[in-house]
Every structure is written in C-alpha cells, then in structure tokens.
Amino acid sequence: MDNFFDFTGKVVLVTGASSGIGRATAELFGRLGASVAITYNNNQAGADEVVAAISASRRADGTAMAIQANFTSNNEIIRTIREVEAGLGPIDILVNNAGSLVERLRTLELTEERWDEVVDLNAKSAFFAAQAVIPNMLEKGRGAIINVTSIAARNGGAPGSIHYSSAKAALLTMTKGLAKEFAAKGIQINAVSPGVIDTPYHDTFTAPEVMQNLRNAIPMGREGRPAEVASVIAFLASDAASYLCGETIEINGGLLMD
C-alpha cells in the first residue's frame, strides 16, 4: 500500500508556527520526514522549541529552521522564502497559517489602521507567500498550498471580530481562485477552517465563560486540539488529496455543518 504520508525529501514552510495550530503542523511534518521552516513574529522561544522538537524527532540537525518575519510586508515574505530556499531548498508545501485578530473592536471602534493590519496579516500575507513559492512549484510541476481560514469566515465571527472574519473570508475565496488558476499545473491548493481550537488565540481573545458557552454548543462537547487540525493539513498536502481542488475542510466538532 502506498504511504501517502511520507514527506521525506519535501520542504515545508509553515507561517506563524511558534504556537498553536502552526506549531502542531510543523512538528507533524517533521515527524513525517519533511524538512520544515517556520516563521514567527515575536515568540522566538516558542519557535526555537519547534525547531528543537523537529530536529529531535528526525535525530538530525539541519532539518528545521525558524525565521523571524513580519508577513504583512511583501519584502519580508520574499526575504523569508529566499532564506528557506538557501537553507533547505525550494518549497514543496506552503501552509499559510500566520494570522491574528490582534484585538476585538466593534464596528464603531474599528480604525482604518487596525483594519489594514488585520487584513494584511491574515489575507495579504497568504496571497504574496503563495505568489512567492508558485514559480518554483511550476518548474517542478507539483506543489501544495494549504490556507488556514476560520469558522469566522462562514458565520461572521464573534462580536468585535469583523475585521478578522472578513480577512478570513477573503482567504477562503482566494483559495478557490488560486486553485482554479494552478490546478492543471500540478499545484494542489485547498484550505482548512478550524472552529474552536484549544490554542493561545482563545487564551488571549475569549473570556472563560464565553469558551464554556462555545463548548456547550459543539455537538462533540469539547474544543478541538491543534494536532487534529494539523493532521488534516498533512492530508491536504499529500497525494491522498490529489483530486481535491479549492476545497475548504471544516474542522469544528460539528459546530457548523455544511
């Protein structure tokens, strides 16, 4: 039987991977044999832990690297891609995970500057990262891009998150547009849409009583784990997902069912 989840020889870039879903995804790809690059903004300690965990799982140094980068800047994105290529080789799999709500703001509180920051971080970053890696994927005739959107893209998000939910909705649509353009050229482009996942995001932006209300609304009765999202991302990067095109997989324990 084919081992669809052997990523030996593949180079993976996971953006925003010093904690949460990004961290779980990077460490999973490392265990599955890939060389992994991650980006981080402020959490260097977390990024260093991810690199150490991947190196330990592979029993070899030089199979993982962390790069500090501000992915709201296309110049920073291009610099990062070049560093990854110099350190590990051309990128086979891109996971666009970088993103944040930054802060909850109701409509009448939301400034143009904060809107731009959140949209740039969640949507602009994903587009220009994809733009930067696609040329090498086209040369190889294959590659995979997985975008991490959110249940907020489907339901508008909780109060104070319209800037975030709008950006994540743009990412969902972007996935379809990119997939249509590059599917026939061997590049698999899909997305995952996490619901309520046990990550630092909710520690920062969701009050404990709100989290309990969310749990009560989830048919499975609990929030998800980062590893449960990571496993679906690995599936979308694999040949097991070879006939999926522009799809967004909902991972939310039944909170939202299409």
C-alpha atoms as a PDB file:
ATOM      1  CA  MET A   1       0.000   0.000   0.000  1.00  0.00           C
ATOM      2  CA  ASP A   2       1.257   3.494  -0.814  1.00  0.00           C
ATOM      3  CA  ASN A   3       2.371   5.572   2.150  1.00  0.00           C
ATOM      4  CA  PHE A   4       0.726   8.875   1.320  1.00  0.00           C
ATOM      5  CA  PHE A   5       2.078  10.492   4.465  1.00  0.00           C
ATOM      6  CA  ASP A   6       5.786  10.020   3.882  1.00  0.00           C
ATOM      7  CA  PHE A   7       7.112  13.514   3.237  1.00  0.00           C
ATOM      8  CA  THR A   8      10.766  12.541   3.095  1.00  0.00           C
ATOM      9  CA  GLY A   9      12.628  14.874   0.745  1.00  0.00           C
ATOM     10  CA  LYS A  10       9.924  17.550   0.908  1.00  0.00           C
ATOM     11  CA  VAL A  11      10.492  21.101   2.118  1.00  0.00           C
ATOM     12  CA  VAL A  12       7.603  22.625   4.062  1.00  0.00           C
ATOM     13  CA  LEU A  13       7.109  26.241   5.143  1.00  0.00           C
ATOM     14  CA  VAL A  14       4.565  26.859   7.905  1.00  0.00           C
ATOM     15  CA  THR A  15       3.969  30.525   8.664  1.00  0.00           C
ATOM     16  CA  GLY A  16       3.101  31.702  12.169  1.00  0.00           C
ATOM     17  CA  ALA A  17       4.216  28.425  13.713  1.00  0.00           C
ATOM     18  CA  SER A  18       5.649  29.242  17.126  1.00  0.00           C
ATOM     19  CA  SER A  19       2.470  28.016  18.866  1.00  0.00           C
ATOM     20  CA  GLY A  20      -0.985  26.554  18.337  1.00  0.00           C
ATOM     21  CA  ILE A  21      -2.044  25.056  15.017  1.00  0.00           C
ATOM     22  CA  GLY A  22       1.101  26.198  13.234  1.00  0.00           C
ATOM     23  CA  ARG A  23       3.350  24.568  15.787  1.00  0.00           C
ATOM     24  CA  ALA A  24       1.440  21.281  15.722  1.00  0.00           C
ATOM     25  CA  THR A  25       1.537  21.305  11.912  1.00  0.00           C
ATOM     26  CA  ALA A  26       5.261  21.984  11.691  1.00  0.00           C
ATOM     27  CA  GLU A  27       6.101  19.281  14.223  1.00  0.00           C
ATOM     28  CA  LEU A  28       3.853  16.763  12.443  1.00  0.00           C
ATOM     29  CA  PHE A  29       5.505  17.376   9.084  1.00  0.00           C
ATOM     30  CA  GLY A  30       8.869  16.936  10.778  1.00  0.00           C
ATOM     31  CA  ARG A  31       7.806  13.563  12.188  1.00  0.00           C
ATOM     32  CA  LEU A  32       6.589  12.577   8.729  1.00  0.00           C
ATOM     33  CA  GLY A  33      10.037  13.147   7.254  1.00  0.00           C
ATOM     34  CA  ALA A  34       9.923  16.664   5.835  1.00  0.00           C
ATOM     35  CA  SER A  35      12.448  19.422   6.277  1.00  0.00           C
ATOM     36  CA  VAL A  36      10.480  22.249   7.885  1.00  0.00           C
ATOM     37  CA  ALA A  37      10.877  26.018   8.013  1.00  0.00           C
ATOM     38  CA  ILE A  38       8.672  28.110  10.263  1.00  0.00           C
ATOM     39  CA  THR A  39       8.136  31.815  10.691  1.00  0.00           C
ATOM     40  CA  TYR A  40       7.344  33.691  13.849  1.00  0.00           C
ATOM     41  CA  ASN A  41       6.777  37.312  14.799  1.00  0.00           C
ATOM     42  CA  ASN A  42       7.569  37.781  18.495  1.00  0.00           C
ATOM     43  CA  ASN A  43       7.671  34.320  20.087  1.00  0.00           C
ATOM     44  CA  GLN A  44      11.285  33.299  19.484  1.00  0.00           C
ATOM     45  CA  ALA A  45      11.300  30.927  22.457  1.00  0.00           C
ATOM     46  CA  GLY A  46       8.345  29.022  21.020  1.00  0.00           C
ATOM     47  CA  ALA A  47       9.926  28.934  17.573  1.00  0.00           C
ATOM     48  CA  ASP A  48      13.186  27.578  18.999  1.00  0.00           C
ATOM     49  CA  GLU A  49      11.235  24.834  20.770  1.00  0.00           C
ATOM     50  CA  VAL A  50       9.578  23.815  17.495  1.00  0.00           C
ATOM     51  CA  VAL A  51      12.936  23.592  15.712  1.00  0.00           C
ATOM     52  CA  ALA A  52      14.370  21.540  18.579  1.00  0.00           C
ATOM     53  CA  ALA A  53      11.378  19.187  18.579  1.00  0.00           C
ATOM     54  CA  ILE A  54      11.633  18.575  14.831  1.00  0.00           C
ATOM     55  CA  SER A  55      15.384  18.031  14.992  1.00  0.00           C
ATOM     56  CA  ALA A  56      14.906  15.554  17.854  1.00  0.00           C
ATOM     57  CA  SER A  57      12.185  13.643  16.011  1.00  0.00           C
ATOM     58  CA  ARG A  58      14.406  13.373  12.945  1.00  0.00           C
ATOM     59  CA  ARG A  59      17.514  12.644  15.038  1.00  0.00           C
ATOM     60  CA  ALA A  60      19.357  15.182  12.896  1.00  0.00           C
ATOM     61  CA  ASP A  61      20.127  18.877  12.901  1.00  0.00           C
ATOM     62  CA  GLY A  62      19.603  20.969   9.805  1.00  0.00           C
ATOM     63  CA  THR A  63      16.129  19.620   9.108  1.00  0.00           C
ATOM     64  CA  ALA A  64      14.298  22.607  10.592  1.00  0.00           C
ATOM     65  CA  MET A  65      14.770  26.354  10.747  1.00  0.00           C
ATOM     66  CA  ALA A  66      12.946  29.342  12.222  1.00  0.00           C
ATOM     67  CA  ILE A  67      12.862  32.802  10.667  1.00  0.00           C
ATOM     68  CA  GLN A  68      11.605  35.964  12.334  1.00  0.00           C
ATOM     69  CA  ALA A  69       9.474  37.850   9.822  1.00  0.00           C
ATOM     70  CA  ASN A  70       6.640  40.352   9.566  1.00  0.00           C
ATOM     71  CA  PHE A  71       4.391  38.777   6.958  1.00  0.00           C
ATOM     72  CA  THR A  72       2.367  41.959   6.445  1.00  0.00           C
ATOM     73  CA  SER A  73       5.289  43.112   4.248  1.00  0.00           C
ATOM     74  CA  ASN A  74       5.844  41.554   0.831  1.00  0.00           C
ATOM     75  CA  ASN A  75       9.554  42.392   1.069  1.00  0.00           C
ATOM     76  CA  GLU A  76       9.717  40.348   4.272  1.00  0.00           C
ATOM     77  CA  ILE A  77       7.876  37.483   2.614  1.00  0.00           C
ATOM     78  CA  ILE A  78      10.296  37.421  -0.315  1.00  0.00           C
ATOM     79  CA  ARG A  79      13.290  37.587   2.047  1.00  0.00           C
ATOM     80  CA  THR A  80      11.900  34.674   4.049  1.00  0.00           C
ATOM     81  CA  ILE A  81      11.291  32.500   1.001  1.00  0.00           C
ATOM     82  CA  ARG A  82      14.870  33.115  -0.160  1.00  0.00           C
ATOM     83  CA  GLU A  83      16.226  32.174   3.280  1.00  0.00           C
ATOM     84  CA  VAL A  84      14.251  28.941   3.267  1.00  0.00           C
ATOM     85  CA  GLU A  85      15.422  28.074  -0.219  1.00  0.00           C
ATOM     86  CA  ALA A  86      19.029  28.786   0.740  1.00  0.00           C
ATOM     87  CA  GLY A  87      18.780  26.748   3.944  1.00  0.00           C
ATOM     88  CA  LEU A  88      16.561  23.815   2.984  1.00  0.00           C
ATOM     89  CA  GLY A  89      15.821  24.024  -0.733  1.00  0.00           C
ATOM     90  CA  PRO A  90      12.807  25.000  -2.865  1.00  0.00           C
ATOM     91  CA  ILE A  91       9.496  24.871  -1.016  1.00  0.00           C
ATOM     92  CA  ASP A  92       7.218  21.959  -1.903  1.00  0.00           C
ATOM     93  CA  ILE A  93       4.449  22.691   0.599  1.00  0.00           C
ATOM     94  CA  LEU A  94       3.307  26.072   1.930  1.00  0.00           C
ATOM     95  CA  VAL A  95       0.977  26.305   4.915  1.00  0.00           C
ATOM     96  CA  ASN A  96      -0.386  29.839   5.233  1.00  0.00           C
ATOM     97  CA  ASN A  97      -1.153  29.858   8.943  1.00  0.00           C
ATOM     98  CA  ALA A  98       0.040  33.329  10.005  1.00  0.00           C
ATOM     99  CA  GLY A  99      -2.803  35.451  11.314  1.00  0.00           C
ATOM    100  CA  SER A 100      -4.382  37.091  14.326  1.00  0.00           C
ATOM    101  CA  LEU A 101      -7.389  39.053  15.485  1.00  0.00           C
ATOM    102  CA  VAL A 102      -4.940  41.492  17.177  1.00  0.00           C
ATOM    103  CA  GLU A 103      -7.761  42.939  19.292  1.00  0.00           C
ATOM    104  CA  ARG A 104     -11.534  42.805  19.469  1.00  0.00           C
ATOM    105  CA  LEU A 105     -13.100  46.019  18.207  1.00  0.00           C
ATOM    106  CA  ARG A 106     -16.752  46.719  17.490  1.00  0.00           C
ATOM    107  CA  THR A 107     -17.639  48.330  14.180  1.00  0.00           C
ATOM    108  CA  LEU A 108     -17.748  51.890  15.505  1.00  0.00           C
ATOM    109  CA  GLU A 109     -14.404  51.427  17.272  1.00  0.00           C
ATOM    110  CA  LEU A 110     -12.500  49.945  14.341  1.00  0.00           C
ATOM    111  CA  THR A 111      -9.890  52.219  12.800  1.00  0.00           C
ATOM    112  CA  GLU A 112      -8.555  52.130   9.264  1.00  0.00           C
ATOM    113  CA  GLU A 113      -5.082  51.319  10.602  1.00  0.00           C
ATOM    114  CA  ARG A 114      -6.287  48.296  12.583  1.00  0.00           C
ATOM    115  CA  TRP A 115      -8.428  47.086   9.673  1.00  0.00           C
ATOM    116  CA  ASP A 116      -5.432  47.242   7.339  1.00  0.00           C
ATOM    117  CA  GLU A 117      -3.167  45.498   9.850  1.00  0.00           C
ATOM    118  CA  VAL A 118      -5.510  42.547  10.362  1.00  0.00           C
ATOM    119  CA  VAL A 119      -6.388  42.150   6.681  1.00  0.00           C
ATOM    120  CA  ASP A 120      -2.707  42.352   5.730  1.00  0.00           C
ATOM    121  CA  LEU A 121      -1.711  39.780   8.332  1.00  0.00           C
ATOM    122  CA  ASN A 122      -4.423  37.252   7.528  1.00  0.00           C
ATOM    123  CA  ALA A 123      -5.110  37.668   3.794  1.00  0.00           C
ATOM    124  CA  LYS A 124      -2.422  39.742   2.075  1.00  0.00           C
ATOM    125  CA  SER A 125       0.314  37.634   3.665  1.00  0.00           C
ATOM    126  CA  ALA A 126      -1.175  34.422   2.297  1.00  0.00           C
ATOM    127  CA  PHE A 127      -1.518  35.737  -1.229  1.00  0.00           C
ATOM    128  CA  PHE A 128       2.013  37.063  -1.520  1.00  0.00           C
ATOM    129  CA  ALA A 129       3.514  33.984   0.138  1.00  0.00           C
ATOM    130  CA  ALA A 130       1.719  31.877  -2.453  1.00  0.00           C
ATOM    131  CA  GLN A 131       2.906  34.191  -5.215  1.00  0.00           C
ATOM    132  CA  ALA A 132       6.485  33.797  -3.991  1.00  0.00           C
ATOM    133  CA  VAL A 133       6.525  29.977  -3.916  1.00  0.00           C
ATOM    134  CA  ILE A 134       4.444  29.201  -7.001  1.00  0.00           C
ATOM    135  CA  PRO A 135       7.197  29.832  -9.621  1.00  0.00           C
ATOM    136  CA  ASN A 136       9.375  27.007  -8.247  1.00  0.00           C
ATOM    137  CA  MET A 137       6.319  24.755  -7.923  1.00  0.00           C
ATOM    138  CA  LEU A 138       5.527  25.424 -11.578  1.00  0.00           C
ATOM    139  CA  GLU A 139       9.080  24.457 -12.537  1.00  0.00           C
ATOM    140  CA  LYS A 140       8.688  21.156 -10.674  1.00  0.00           C
ATOM    141  CA  GLY A 141       5.179  20.595 -11.974  1.00  0.00           C
ATOM    142  CA  ARG A 142       3.827  19.968  -8.495  1.00  0.00           C
ATOM    143  CA  GLY A 143       3.334  21.518  -5.071  1.00  0.00           C
ATOM    144  CA  ALA A 144       0.749  22.116  -2.369  1.00  0.00           C
ATOM    145  CA  ILE A 145      -0.586  25.229  -0.661  1.00  0.00           C
ATOM    146  CA  ILE A 146      -2.896  24.974   2.338  1.00  0.00           C
ATOM    147  CA  ASN A 147      -4.537  28.104   3.701  1.00  0.00           C
ATOM    148  CA  VAL A 148      -5.768  28.252   7.292  1.00  0.00           C
ATOM    149  CA  THR A 149      -9.002  30.208   7.369  1.00  0.00           C
ATOM    150  CA  SER A 150     -11.595  30.098  10.189  1.00  0.00           C
ATOM    151  CA  ILE A 151     -15.170  29.281  11.065  1.00  0.00           C
ATOM    152  CA  ALA A 152     -15.464  33.067  11.422  1.00  0.00           C
ATOM    153  CA  ALA A 153     -15.286  33.276   7.622  1.00  0.00           C
ATOM    154  CA  ARG A 154     -18.556  31.336   7.494  1.00  0.00           C
ATOM    155  CA  ASN A 155     -20.511  32.826  10.383  1.00  0.00           C
ATOM    156  CA  GLY A 156     -19.117  36.377  10.693  1.00  0.00           C
ATOM    157  CA  GLY A 157     -17.250  35.682  13.915  1.00  0.00           C
ATOM    158  CA  ALA A 158     -17.931  36.744  17.482  1.00  0.00           C
ATOM    159  CA  PRO A 159     -18.643  40.392  18.352  1.00  0.00           C
ATOM    160  CA  GLY A 160     -15.621  42.592  17.808  1.00  0.00           C
ATOM    161  CA  SER A 161     -14.038  40.447  15.110  1.00  0.00           C
ATOM    162  CA  ILE A 162     -15.468  41.729  11.834  1.00  0.00           C
ATOM    163  CA  HIS A 163     -12.000  42.732  10.573  1.00  0.00           C
ATOM    164  CA  TYR A 164     -10.711  39.220  11.277  1.00  0.00           C
ATOM    165  CA  SER A 165     -13.718  37.351   9.897  1.00  0.00           C
ATOM    166  CA  SER A 166     -13.670  39.478   6.735  1.00  0.00           C
ATOM    167  CA  ALA A 167      -9.984  38.728   6.185  1.00  0.00           C
ATOM    168  CA  LYS A 168     -10.540  35.008   6.733  1.00  0.00           C
ATOM    169  CA  ALA A 169     -13.444  35.083   4.274  1.00  0.00           C
ATOM    170  CA  ALA A 170     -11.112  36.672   1.718  1.00  0.00           C
ATOM    171  CA  LEU A 171      -8.691  33.814   2.328  1.00  0.00           C
ATOM    172  CA  LEU A 172     -11.426  31.262   1.696  1.00  0.00           C
ATOM    173  CA  THR A 173     -12.274  32.877  -1.642  1.00  0.00           C
ATOM    174  CA  MET A 174      -8.593  33.306  -2.504  1.00  0.00           C
ATOM    175  CA  THR A 175      -8.160  29.551  -2.112  1.00  0.00           C
ATOM    176  CA  LYS A 176     -10.741  28.925  -4.830  1.00  0.00           C
ATOM    177  CA  GLY A 177      -9.270  31.498  -7.196  1.00  0.00           C
ATOM    178  CA  LEU A 178      -5.711  30.222  -6.853  1.00  0.00           C
ATOM    179  CA  ALA A 179      -6.848  26.618  -7.188  1.00  0.00           C
ATOM    180  CA  LYS A 180      -8.660  27.348 -10.455  1.00  0.00           C
ATOM    181  CA  GLU A 181      -5.577  29.048 -11.862  1.00  0.00           C
ATOM    182  CA  PHE A 182      -2.981  26.431 -10.934  1.00  0.00           C
ATOM    183  CA  ALA A 183      -4.749  23.067 -10.543  1.00  0.00           C
ATOM    184  CA  ALA A 184      -3.986  21.961 -14.092  1.00  0.00           C
ATOM    185  CA  LYS A 185      -0.317  22.775 -13.496  1.00  0.00           C
ATOM    186  CA  GLY A 186       0.082  20.302 -10.653  1.00  0.00           C
ATOM    187  CA  ILE A 187      -0.368  22.565  -7.633  1.00  0.00           C
ATOM    188  CA  GLN A 188      -2.909  21.427  -5.023  1.00  0.00           C
ATOM    189  CA  ILE A 189      -4.471  24.442  -3.291  1.00  0.00           C
ATOM    190  CA  ASN A 190      -7.009  23.896  -0.531  1.00  0.00           C
ATOM    191  CA  ALA A 191      -7.858  25.223   2.923  1.00  0.00           C
ATOM    192  CA  VAL A 192      -8.838  24.203   6.416  1.00  0.00           C
ATOM    193  CA  SER A 193     -11.354  26.103   8.506  1.00  0.00           C
ATOM    194  CA  PRO A 194     -10.864  25.476  12.231  1.00  0.00           C
ATOM    195  CA  GLY A 195     -13.656  26.111  14.685  1.00  0.00           C
ATOM    196  CA  VAL A 196     -12.984  26.421  18.407  1.00  0.00           C
ATOM    197  CA  ILE A 197      -9.487  25.019  18.907  1.00  0.00           C
ATOM    198  CA  ASP A 198      -7.526  24.963  22.171  1.00  0.00           C
ATOM    199  CA  THR A 199      -4.834  27.500  21.245  1.00  0.00           C
ATOM    200  CA  PRO A 200      -3.345  30.701  22.691  1.00  0.00           C
ATOM    201  CA  TYR A 201      -5.784  32.607  20.444  1.00  0.00           C
ATOM    202  CA  HIS A 202      -8.639  31.879  22.841  1.00  0.00           C
ATOM    203  CA  ASP A 203      -6.468  32.463  25.902  1.00  0.00           C
ATOM    204  CA  THR A 204      -5.977  35.996  24.574  1.00  0.00           C
ATOM    205  CA  PHE A 205      -9.297  36.881  22.950  1.00  0.00           C
ATOM    206  CA  THR A 206     -12.024  34.719  24.517  1.00  0.00           C
ATOM    207  CA  ALA A 207     -13.261  35.017  28.088  1.00  0.00           C
ATOM    208  CA  PRO A 208     -13.570  31.735  30.066  1.00  0.00           C
ATOM    209  CA  GLU A 209     -17.363  31.965  30.318  1.00  0.00           C
ATOM    210  CA  VAL A 210     -17.611  32.515  26.555  1.00  0.00           C
ATOM    211  CA  MET A 211     -15.405  29.481  25.962  1.00  0.00           C
ATOM    212  CA  GLN A 212     -17.705  27.365  28.099  1.00  0.00           C
ATOM    213  CA  ASN A 213     -20.722  28.556  26.122  1.00  0.00           C
ATOM    214  CA  LEU A 214     -18.914  27.621  22.926  1.00  0.00           C
ATOM    215  CA  ARG A 215     -18.137  24.156  24.263  1.00  0.00           C
ATOM    216  CA  ASN A 216     -21.788  23.688  25.140  1.00  0.00           C
ATOM    217  CA  ALA A 217     -22.747  24.497  21.540  1.00  0.00           C
ATOM    218  CA  ILE A 218     -20.330  21.991  19.979  1.00  0.00           C
ATOM    219  CA  PRO A 219     -22.002  18.611  19.299  1.00  0.00           C
ATOM    220  CA  MET A 220     -18.776  16.781  20.221  1.00  0.00           C
ATOM    221  CA  GLY A 221     -18.804  18.613  23.566  1.00  0.00           C
ATOM    222  CA  ARG A 222     -15.247  19.944  23.508  1.00  0.00           C
ATOM    223  CA  GLU A 223     -12.902  22.272  21.686  1.00  0.00           C
ATOM    224  CA  GLY A 224     -10.548  20.804  19.121  1.00  0.00           C
ATOM    225  CA  ARG A 225      -6.842  20.136  19.529  1.00  0.00           C
ATOM    226  CA  PRO A 226      -4.166  21.704  17.311  1.00  0.00           C
ATOM    227  CA  ALA A 227      -2.984  18.219  16.328  1.00  0.00           C
ATOM    228  CA  GLU A 228      -6.441  17.449  14.923  1.00  0.00           C
ATOM    229  CA  VAL A 229      -6.139  20.385  12.547  1.00  0.00           C
ATOM    230  CA  ALA A 230      -2.522  19.530  11.707  1.00  0.00           C
ATOM    231  CA  SER A 231      -3.490  16.029  10.585  1.00  0.00           C
ATOM    232  CA  VAL A 232      -5.999  17.417   8.078  1.00  0.00           C
ATOM    233  CA  ILE A 233      -3.405  19.873   6.765  1.00  0.00           C
ATOM    234  CA  ALA A 234      -0.989  16.968   6.225  1.00  0.00           C
ATOM    235  CA  PHE A 235      -3.731  15.100   4.370  1.00  0.00           C
ATOM    236  CA  LEU A 236      -4.318  18.071   2.056  1.00  0.00           C
ATOM    237  CA  ALA A 237      -0.581  18.263   1.345  1.00  0.00           C
ATOM    238  CA  SER A 238      -0.430  14.576   0.435  1.00  0.00           C
ATOM    239  CA  ASP A 239      -1.226  12.605  -2.692  1.00  0.00           C
ATOM    240  CA  ALA A 240      -4.214  11.197  -0.815  1.00  0.00           C
ATOM    241  CA  ALA A 241      -5.891  14.551  -1.553  1.00  0.00           C
ATOM    242  CA  SER A 242      -4.850  14.588  -5.214  1.00  0.00           C
ATOM    243  CA  TYR A 243      -8.379  15.212  -6.544  1.00  0.00           C
ATOM    244  CA  LEU A 244      -9.358  17.921  -4.076  1.00  0.00           C
ATOM    245  CA  CYS A 245      -9.278  21.378  -5.642  1.00  0.00           C
ATOM    246  CA  GLY A 246     -10.154  24.687  -3.975  1.00  0.00           C
ATOM    247  CA  GLU A 247     -11.901  22.948  -1.095  1.00  0.00           C
ATOM    248  CA  THR A 248     -12.169  24.167   2.470  1.00  0.00           C
ATOM    249  CA  ILE A 249     -12.461  21.446   5.103  1.00  0.00           C
ATOM    250  CA  GLU A 250     -14.381  22.465   8.215  1.00  0.00           C
ATOM    251  CA  ILE A 251     -12.831  21.211  11.470  1.00  0.00           C
ATOM    252  CA  ASN A 252     -15.166  22.251  14.239  1.00  0.00           C
ATOM    253  CA  GLY A 253     -16.628  19.233  16.048  1.00  0.00           C
ATOM    254  CA  GLY A 254     -19.995  19.803  14.398  1.00  0.00           C
ATOM    255  CA  LEU A 255     -20.427  23.434  15.433  1.00  0.00           C
ATOM    256  CA  LEU A 256     -21.009  24.345  11.787  1.00  0.00           C
ATOM    257  CA  MET A 257     -22.096  21.745   9.259  1.00  0.00           C
ATOM    258  CA  ASP A 258     -22.338  22.388   5.516  1.00  0.00           C
END
